[in-house]
């Protein structure tokens, strides 16, 4: 009788997983190599300024800083406005509660 060795069927069954692992490993190795080449060549330097908030264009950087300051001031104003609205709503609810207690129809709902 003819018997198959167990290794070829296992390879046929799992060859997709093996190929996928090989491709993933190759991608990671290629990314590390490219990253090392870019850092040695100084290609990452132009992106370092973007992380620190500078693009290299002074006019745009000044405009952006001015715009960000304006937006932050408007956001603070809006937060104060919302706090005032919340405070007014709380005061109105509390006053309604007190009025209902004084009139004798007070409920805690």
N, C-alpha and C. Protein backbone atom coordinates (compact mmCIF):
# COMPACT_ATOMS: atom_id res chain seq x y z
N UNK A 1 0.82 -1.18 0.00
CA UNK A 1 0.00 0.00 0.00
C UNK A 1 0.87 1.25 0.00
N UNK A 2 0.27 2.30 -0.55
CA UNK A 2 1.02 3.55 -0.66
C UNK A 2 0.58 4.48 0.48
N UNK A 3 1.55 4.96 1.26
CA UNK A 3 1.26 5.88 2.36
C UNK A 3 1.94 7.21 2.09
N UNK A 4 1.19 8.30 2.31
CA UNK A 4 1.77 9.62 2.16
C UNK A 4 2.48 10.03 3.44
N UNK A 5 3.55 10.72 3.25
CA UNK A 5 4.25 11.27 4.41
C UNK A 5 3.40 12.41 4.97
N UNK A 6 3.32 12.60 6.29
CA UNK A 6 2.42 13.62 6.85
C UNK A 6 2.87 15.06 6.57
N UNK A 7 4.12 15.28 6.21
CA UNK A 7 4.60 16.64 6.01
C UNK A 7 4.00 17.33 4.79
N UNK A 8 3.92 16.72 3.62
CA UNK A 8 3.32 17.44 2.47
C UNK A 8 1.87 17.87 2.69
N UNK A 9 0.98 17.05 3.26
CA UNK A 9 -0.38 17.55 3.49
C UNK A 9 -0.43 18.74 4.46
N UNK A 10 0.44 18.71 5.48
CA UNK A 10 0.47 19.84 6.40
C UNK A 10 0.93 21.10 5.69
N UNK A 11 1.91 20.96 4.79
CA UNK A 11 2.37 22.13 4.05
C UNK A 11 1.27 22.68 3.17
N UNK A 12 0.52 21.78 2.53
CA UNK A 12 -0.58 22.22 1.68
C UNK A 12 -1.63 22.93 2.52
N UNK A 13 -1.88 22.42 3.71
CA UNK A 13 -2.90 23.03 4.57
C UNK A 13 -2.47 24.38 5.10
N UNK A 14 -1.22 24.51 5.48
CA UNK A 14 -0.78 25.72 6.17
C UNK A 14 0.11 26.63 5.33
N UNK A 15 0.19 26.41 4.04
CA UNK A 15 1.10 27.23 3.24
C UNK A 15 0.61 28.68 3.17
N UNK A 16 -0.71 28.91 3.24
CA UNK A 16 -1.21 30.28 3.23
C UNK A 16 -0.74 31.05 4.45
N UNK A 17 -0.77 30.40 5.60
CA UNK A 17 -0.31 31.05 6.84
C UNK A 17 1.19 31.33 6.75
N UNK A 18 1.94 30.40 6.23
CA UNK A 18 3.38 30.60 6.09
C UNK A 18 3.71 31.75 5.15
N UNK A 19 3.01 31.83 4.04
CA UNK A 19 3.26 32.91 3.08
C UNK A 19 2.87 34.25 3.70
N UNK A 20 1.77 34.30 4.43
CA UNK A 20 1.34 35.55 5.07
C UNK A 20 2.37 36.00 6.10
N UNK A 21 2.87 35.09 6.91
CA UNK A 21 3.89 35.45 7.90
C UNK A 21 5.16 35.93 7.22
N UNK A 22 5.52 35.31 6.13
CA UNK A 22 6.71 35.74 5.39
C UNK A 22 6.53 37.15 4.84
N UNK A 23 5.37 37.43 4.28
CA UNK A 23 5.11 38.78 3.75
C UNK A 23 5.09 39.83 4.85
N UNK A 24 4.47 39.52 5.96
CA UNK A 24 4.43 40.47 7.08
C UNK A 24 5.83 40.76 7.58
N UNK A 25 6.64 39.73 7.72
CA UNK A 25 8.02 39.91 8.17
C UNK A 25 8.79 40.76 7.18
N UNK A 26 8.61 40.50 5.90
CA UNK A 26 9.31 41.29 4.87
C UNK A 26 8.88 42.75 4.92
N UNK A 27 7.60 43.01 5.13
CA UNK A 27 7.13 44.39 5.20
C UNK A 27 7.74 45.12 6.39
N UNK A 28 7.77 44.47 7.54
CA UNK A 28 8.36 45.11 8.72
C UNK A 28 9.85 45.39 8.53
N UNK A 29 10.56 44.45 7.93
CA UNK A 29 11.99 44.65 7.69
C UNK A 29 12.20 45.79 6.71
N UNK A 30 11.41 45.84 5.65
CA UNK A 30 11.56 46.91 4.67
C UNK A 30 11.25 48.28 5.29
N UNK A 31 10.24 48.35 6.14
CA UNK A 31 9.91 49.62 6.79
C UNK A 31 11.05 50.08 7.70
N UNK A 32 11.65 49.16 8.44
CA UNK A 32 12.78 49.53 9.31
C UNK A 32 13.96 50.02 8.50
N UNK A 33 14.23 49.35 7.38
CA UNK A 33 15.35 49.77 6.54
C UNK A 33 15.08 51.15 5.94
N UNK A 34 13.87 51.37 5.44
CA UNK A 34 13.54 52.68 4.87
C UNK A 34 13.58 53.78 5.93
N UNK A 35 13.10 53.48 7.11
CA UNK A 35 13.13 54.47 8.19
C UNK A 35 14.57 54.82 8.57
N UNK A 36 15.44 53.81 8.60
CA UNK A 36 16.84 54.07 8.92
C UNK A 36 17.50 54.90 7.82
N UNK A 37 17.19 54.60 6.57
CA UNK A 37 17.76 55.38 5.46
C UNK A 37 17.29 56.82 5.51
N UNK A 38 16.00 57.02 5.78
CA UNK A 38 15.46 58.38 5.82
C UNK A 38 16.08 59.18 6.96
N UNK A 39 16.27 58.54 8.10
CA UNK A 39 16.84 59.29 9.23
C UNK A 39 18.32 59.61 8.97
N UNK A 40 19.03 58.70 8.30
CA UNK A 40 20.42 58.99 7.97
C UNK A 40 20.53 60.08 6.93
N UNK A 41 19.59 60.11 5.99
CA UNK A 41 19.63 61.10 4.92
C UNK A 41 19.06 62.44 5.36
N UNK A 42 18.46 62.50 6.53
CA UNK A 42 17.91 63.75 7.04
C UNK A 42 16.55 64.09 6.47
N UNK A 43 15.86 63.10 5.93
CA UNK A 43 14.55 63.37 5.35
C UNK A 43 13.49 63.61 6.42
N UNK A 44 13.74 63.17 7.64
CA UNK A 44 12.76 63.38 8.71
C UNK A 44 12.85 64.79 9.26
N UNK A 45 13.92 65.52 8.96
CA UNK A 45 14.09 66.86 9.51
C UNK A 45 12.97 67.80 9.12
N UNK A 46 12.48 67.69 7.90
CA UNK A 46 11.44 68.61 7.46
C UNK A 46 10.13 68.36 8.18
N UNK A 47 9.92 67.16 8.72
CA UNK A 47 8.71 66.89 9.47
C UNK A 47 8.86 67.23 10.95
N UNK A 48 10.06 67.36 11.43
CA UNK A 48 10.27 67.73 12.83
C UNK A 48 9.72 69.12 13.11
N UNK A 49 9.87 70.04 12.17
CA UNK A 49 9.34 71.38 12.34
C UNK A 49 7.83 71.38 12.41
N UNK A 50 7.20 70.53 11.65
CA UNK A 50 5.74 70.45 11.67
C UNK A 50 5.24 69.96 13.01
N UNK A 51 5.99 69.07 13.65
CA UNK A 51 5.59 68.59 14.96
C UNK A 51 5.74 69.66 16.02
N UNK A 52 6.74 70.51 15.85
CA UNK A 52 6.97 71.55 16.85
C UNK A 52 6.13 72.79 16.59
N UNK A 53 5.39 72.84 15.48
CA UNK A 53 4.51 73.96 15.21
C UNK A 53 5.06 74.93 14.19
N UNK A 54 6.18 74.65 13.58
CA UNK A 54 6.75 75.53 12.57
C UNK A 54 6.79 74.82 11.23
N UNK A 55 6.38 75.54 10.18
CA UNK A 55 6.39 74.94 8.85
C UNK A 55 7.58 75.44 8.03
N UNK A 56 8.22 76.48 8.48
CA UNK A 56 9.30 77.07 7.71
C UNK A 56 8.86 78.31 6.97
N UNK A 57 7.57 78.49 6.81
CA UNK A 57 7.02 79.67 6.16
C UNK A 57 6.58 80.63 7.27
N UNK A 58 7.35 81.70 7.46
CA UNK A 58 7.09 82.60 8.59
C UNK A 58 5.73 83.26 8.53
N UNK A 59 5.32 83.68 7.34
CA UNK A 59 4.02 84.35 7.21
C UNK A 59 2.89 83.41 7.61
N UNK A 60 2.97 82.18 7.15
CA UNK A 60 1.92 81.22 7.51
C UNK A 60 1.98 80.89 8.99
N UNK A 61 3.18 80.73 9.55
CA UNK A 61 3.31 80.43 10.98
C UNK A 61 2.70 81.55 11.83
N UNK A 62 2.95 82.81 11.45
CA UNK A 62 2.38 83.93 12.21
C UNK A 62 0.86 83.94 12.08
N UNK A 63 0.36 83.72 10.86
CA UNK A 63 -1.08 83.67 10.65
C UNK A 63 -1.71 82.56 11.47
N UNK A 64 -1.08 81.40 11.47
CA UNK A 64 -1.62 80.26 12.22
C UNK A 64 -1.63 80.55 13.71
N UNK A 65 -0.56 81.13 14.22
CA UNK A 65 -0.51 81.45 15.65
C UNK A 65 -1.59 82.46 16.02
N UNK A 66 -1.77 83.48 15.19
CA UNK A 66 -2.81 84.48 15.44
C UNK A 66 -4.19 83.83 15.42
N UNK A 67 -4.43 82.99 14.44
CA UNK A 67 -5.72 82.32 14.33
C UNK A 67 -5.96 81.40 15.52
N UNK A 68 -4.94 80.66 15.93
CA UNK A 68 -5.10 79.77 17.08
C UNK A 68 -5.39 80.55 18.36
N UNK A 69 -4.71 81.69 18.55
CA UNK A 69 -4.98 82.52 19.73
C UNK A 69 -6.42 83.02 19.71
N UNK A 70 -6.88 83.45 18.53
CA UNK A 70 -8.26 83.94 18.39
C UNK A 70 -9.26 82.83 18.70
N UNK A 71 -9.01 81.65 18.16
CA UNK A 71 -9.91 80.53 18.41
C UNK A 71 -9.93 80.13 19.88
N UNK A 72 -8.78 80.16 20.53
CA UNK A 72 -8.73 79.83 21.95
C UNK A 72 -9.50 80.86 22.77
N UNK A 73 -9.38 82.14 22.41
CA UNK A 73 -10.13 83.19 23.13
C UNK A 73 -11.63 82.99 22.92
N UNK A 74 -12.05 82.69 21.69
CA UNK A 74 -13.46 82.46 21.43
C UNK A 74 -13.97 81.22 22.17
N UNK A 75 -13.16 80.18 22.24
CA UNK A 75 -13.55 78.98 22.97
C UNK A 75 -13.72 79.28 24.45
N UNK A 76 -12.81 80.08 25.03
CA UNK A 76 -12.96 80.47 26.44
C UNK A 76 -14.23 81.27 26.66
N UNK A 77 -14.52 82.20 25.74
CA UNK A 77 -15.75 82.99 25.84
C UNK A 77 -16.97 82.10 25.78
N UNK A 78 -16.95 81.13 24.88
CA UNK A 78 -18.09 80.23 24.72
C UNK A 78 -18.27 79.37 25.97
N UNK A 79 -17.16 78.90 26.55
CA UNK A 79 -17.25 78.11 27.79
C UNK A 79 -17.88 78.94 28.91
N UNK A 80 -17.46 80.21 29.01
CA UNK A 80 -18.03 81.08 30.04
C UNK A 80 -19.53 81.28 29.79
N UNK A 81 -19.92 81.45 28.53
CA UNK A 81 -21.32 81.62 28.18
C UNK A 81 -22.12 80.38 28.58
N UNK A 82 -21.59 79.19 28.26
CA UNK A 82 -22.28 77.95 28.63
C UNK A 82 -22.39 77.80 30.13
N UNK A 83 -21.33 78.16 30.86
CA UNK A 83 -21.39 78.10 32.32
C UNK A 83 -22.49 79.02 32.85
N UNK A 84 -22.60 80.22 32.26
CA UNK A 84 -23.66 81.15 32.66
C UNK A 84 -25.04 80.57 32.40
N UNK A 85 -25.20 79.92 31.22
CA UNK A 85 -26.49 79.29 30.92
C UNK A 85 -26.81 78.17 31.90
N UNK A 86 -25.83 77.38 32.23
CA UNK A 86 -26.05 76.28 33.19
C UNK A 86 -26.41 76.84 34.56
N UNK A 87 -25.69 77.89 34.95
CA UNK A 87 -25.96 78.51 36.25
C UNK A 87 -27.38 79.08 36.28
N UNK A 88 -27.80 79.73 35.19
CA UNK A 88 -29.15 80.30 35.12
C UNK A 88 -30.21 79.20 35.14
N UNK A 89 -29.97 78.10 34.43
CA UNK A 89 -30.92 77.00 34.41
C UNK A 89 -31.02 76.37 35.80
N UNK A 90 -29.87 76.21 36.48
CA UNK A 90 -29.89 75.66 37.84
C UNK A 90 -30.62 76.59 38.79
N UNK A 91 -30.37 77.89 38.65
CA UNK A 91 -31.04 78.85 39.53
C UNK A 91 -32.54 78.84 39.29
N UNK A 92 -32.96 78.74 38.03
CA UNK A 92 -34.40 78.70 37.73
C UNK A 92 -35.03 77.43 38.29
N UNK A 93 -34.36 76.31 38.16
CA UNK A 93 -34.89 75.05 38.69
C UNK A 93 -34.97 75.11 40.20
N UNK A 94 -33.96 75.68 40.84
CA UNK A 94 -33.97 75.78 42.29
C UNK A 94 -35.07 76.73 42.76
N UNK A 95 -35.25 77.84 42.05
CA UNK A 95 -36.31 78.79 42.41
C UNK A 95 -37.68 78.15 42.24
N UNK A 96 -37.87 77.36 41.18
CA UNK A 96 -39.14 76.66 40.99
C UNK A 96 -39.37 75.67 42.13
N UNK A 97 -38.32 75.00 42.55
CA UNK A 97 -38.43 74.07 43.68
C UNK A 97 -38.84 74.81 44.94
N UNK A 98 -38.19 75.94 45.22
CA UNK A 98 -38.54 76.70 46.42
C UNK A 98 -39.98 77.20 46.34
N UNK A 99 -40.39 77.69 45.18
CA UNK A 99 -41.76 78.17 45.04
C UNK A 99 -42.78 77.06 45.26
N UNK A 100 -42.46 75.86 44.74
CA UNK A 100 -43.38 74.73 44.93
C UNK A 100 -43.41 74.31 46.41
N UNK A 101 -42.32 74.41 47.10
CA UNK A 101 -42.27 74.07 48.54
C UNK A 101 -43.11 75.07 49.34
N UNK A 102 -43.00 76.37 48.96
CA UNK A 102 -43.75 77.39 49.69
C UNK A 102 -45.25 77.27 49.45
N UNK A 103 -45.62 76.85 48.25
CA UNK A 103 -47.04 76.74 47.93
C UNK A 103 -47.65 75.46 48.46
N UNK A 104 -46.80 74.53 48.90
CA UNK A 104 -47.30 73.29 49.49
C UNK A 104 -47.50 72.16 48.50
N UNK A 105 -47.14 72.37 47.24
CA UNK A 105 -47.30 71.31 46.24
C UNK A 105 -45.94 70.72 45.88
N UNK A 106 -45.02 70.77 46.78
CA UNK A 106 -43.64 70.34 46.49
C UNK A 106 -43.51 68.85 46.28
N UNK A 107 -42.88 68.50 45.18
CA UNK A 107 -42.52 67.11 44.92
C UNK A 107 -41.04 67.08 44.57
N UNK A 108 -40.45 65.97 44.77
CA UNK A 108 -39.02 65.83 44.52
C UNK A 108 -38.73 65.30 43.13
N UNK A 109 -39.63 65.37 42.21
CA UNK A 109 -39.43 64.82 40.86
C UNK A 109 -38.68 65.76 39.98
